[in-house]
Protein backbone atom coordinates (compact mmCIF):
# COMPACT_ATOMS: atom_id res chain seq x y z
CA MET A 1 150.54 -105.37 127.88
CA LYS A 2 148.01 -106.84 130.33
CA ARG A 3 145.18 -104.82 130.77
CA HIS A 4 143.94 -104.62 134.20
CA GLN A 5 140.45 -103.22 133.50
CA GLY A 6 138.34 -104.14 136.30
CA GLN A 7 140.79 -104.79 138.80
CA ALA A 8 139.73 -103.60 142.33
CA ASP A 9 143.25 -102.59 143.09
CA ASN A 10 143.18 -99.53 140.55
CA GLY A 11 145.85 -97.76 143.20
CA GLY A 12 148.49 -100.53 142.99
CA VAL A 13 148.00 -100.97 139.48
CA LEU A 14 148.21 -96.84 139.18
CA GLN A 15 151.69 -96.79 141.48
CA GLY A 16 152.97 -100.26 139.57
CA TYR A 17 152.72 -98.50 136.37
CA VAL A 18 154.14 -94.96 137.78
CA TYR A 19 157.14 -97.02 139.08
CA LYS A 20 158.02 -98.42 135.83
CA VAL A 21 158.31 -94.90 133.99
CA ASP A 22 161.36 -92.94 133.93
CA PRO A 23 160.09 -89.53 135.45
CA SER A 24 161.70 -87.56 132.96
CA LEU A 25 159.34 -89.29 130.44
CA LYS A 26 162.13 -89.30 127.71
CA ASP A 27 162.88 -91.63 125.48
CA LEU A 28 160.06 -94.19 126.43
CA SER A 29 159.66 -97.40 125.17
CA ALA A 30 156.14 -98.54 123.25
CA SER A 31 155.17 -100.70 126.20
CA GLU A 32 156.14 -97.74 128.57
CA THR A 33 154.44 -94.84 127.17
CA GLU A 34 151.47 -97.36 127.19
CA MET A 35 152.00 -97.82 130.87
CA TRP A 36 152.07 -93.75 131.01
CA GLU A 37 149.11 -93.15 129.15
CA ASP A 38 147.23 -95.86 131.03
CA ALA A 39 148.21 -94.39 134.55
CA THR A 40 147.33 -90.86 133.51
CA GLY A 41 143.96 -92.35 132.37
CA ARG A 42 143.62 -94.10 135.74
CA ALA A 43 144.77 -91.24 137.78
CA PHE A 44 142.13 -88.93 136.10
CA PHE A 45 139.45 -91.54 136.52
CA THR A 46 140.22 -91.78 140.63
CA LYS A 47 139.92 -87.77 140.65
CA THR A 48 136.62 -87.83 139.12
CA LEU A 49 135.52 -90.63 141.33
CA ILE A 50 136.62 -88.65 144.27
CA MET A 51 135.32 -85.42 143.19
CA ASP A 52 131.88 -85.94 142.10
CA THR A 53 129.67 -84.59 144.73
CA LYS A 54 126.44 -85.61 142.99
CA LYS A 55 125.17 -89.50 142.89
CA GLY A 56 126.99 -90.79 140.40
CA ALA A 57 129.93 -93.24 139.49
CA LEU A 58 131.50 -93.79 142.46
CA ASP A 59 128.14 -94.47 144.13
CA GLN A 60 127.18 -96.86 141.65
CA MET A 61 130.56 -98.67 142.50
CA VAL A 62 129.67 -99.07 145.79
CA GLU A 63 126.67 -100.46 145.40
CA THR A 64 127.42 -102.64 142.82
CA SER A 65 130.23 -104.28 145.20
CA TYR A 66 128.86 -103.59 148.91
CA GLY A 67 125.28 -103.19 148.15
CA LYS A 68 124.49 -102.97 151.85
CA GLN A 69 126.84 -99.68 152.27
CA ALA A 70 125.13 -98.29 149.19
CA ALA A 71 123.21 -95.89 151.53
CA GLN A 72 126.80 -95.03 153.54
CA PRO A 73 128.72 -93.74 150.29
CA PRO A 74 132.43 -93.06 151.34
CA GLU A 75 133.16 -89.65 152.83
CA PHE A 76 136.54 -88.41 151.88
CA GLY A 77 138.19 -85.40 154.16
CA GLU A 78 139.72 -82.29 152.97
CA GLU A 79 143.38 -83.83 152.38
CA ILE A 80 141.96 -86.44 149.93
CA MET A 81 139.98 -83.96 148.18
CA GLU A 82 143.35 -81.59 147.86
CA MET A 83 145.27 -84.40 146.75
CA ALA A 84 142.33 -85.54 144.07
CA ARG A 85 142.30 -81.65 143.03
CA SER A 86 145.80 -82.29 142.31
CA LEU A 87 145.71 -84.84 140.14
């Protein structure tokens, strides 16, 4: 299976993986198991980025990608924080 490391659209890849895996998680093929494991890892990483309240990985990613916007890190509203907590 092709890995999408470094791909900017982490959310799109995550949704694609989840869509392709049987939600019962029963009798998964090797590739489905790999997709599910990658999806759970991506979800955990996303949660970590959103919930990180001190200068950390998200700030570094913004600075690397959008230089001038680094002084204005993204802010997440309570609805997004609640979703992140549920991951």
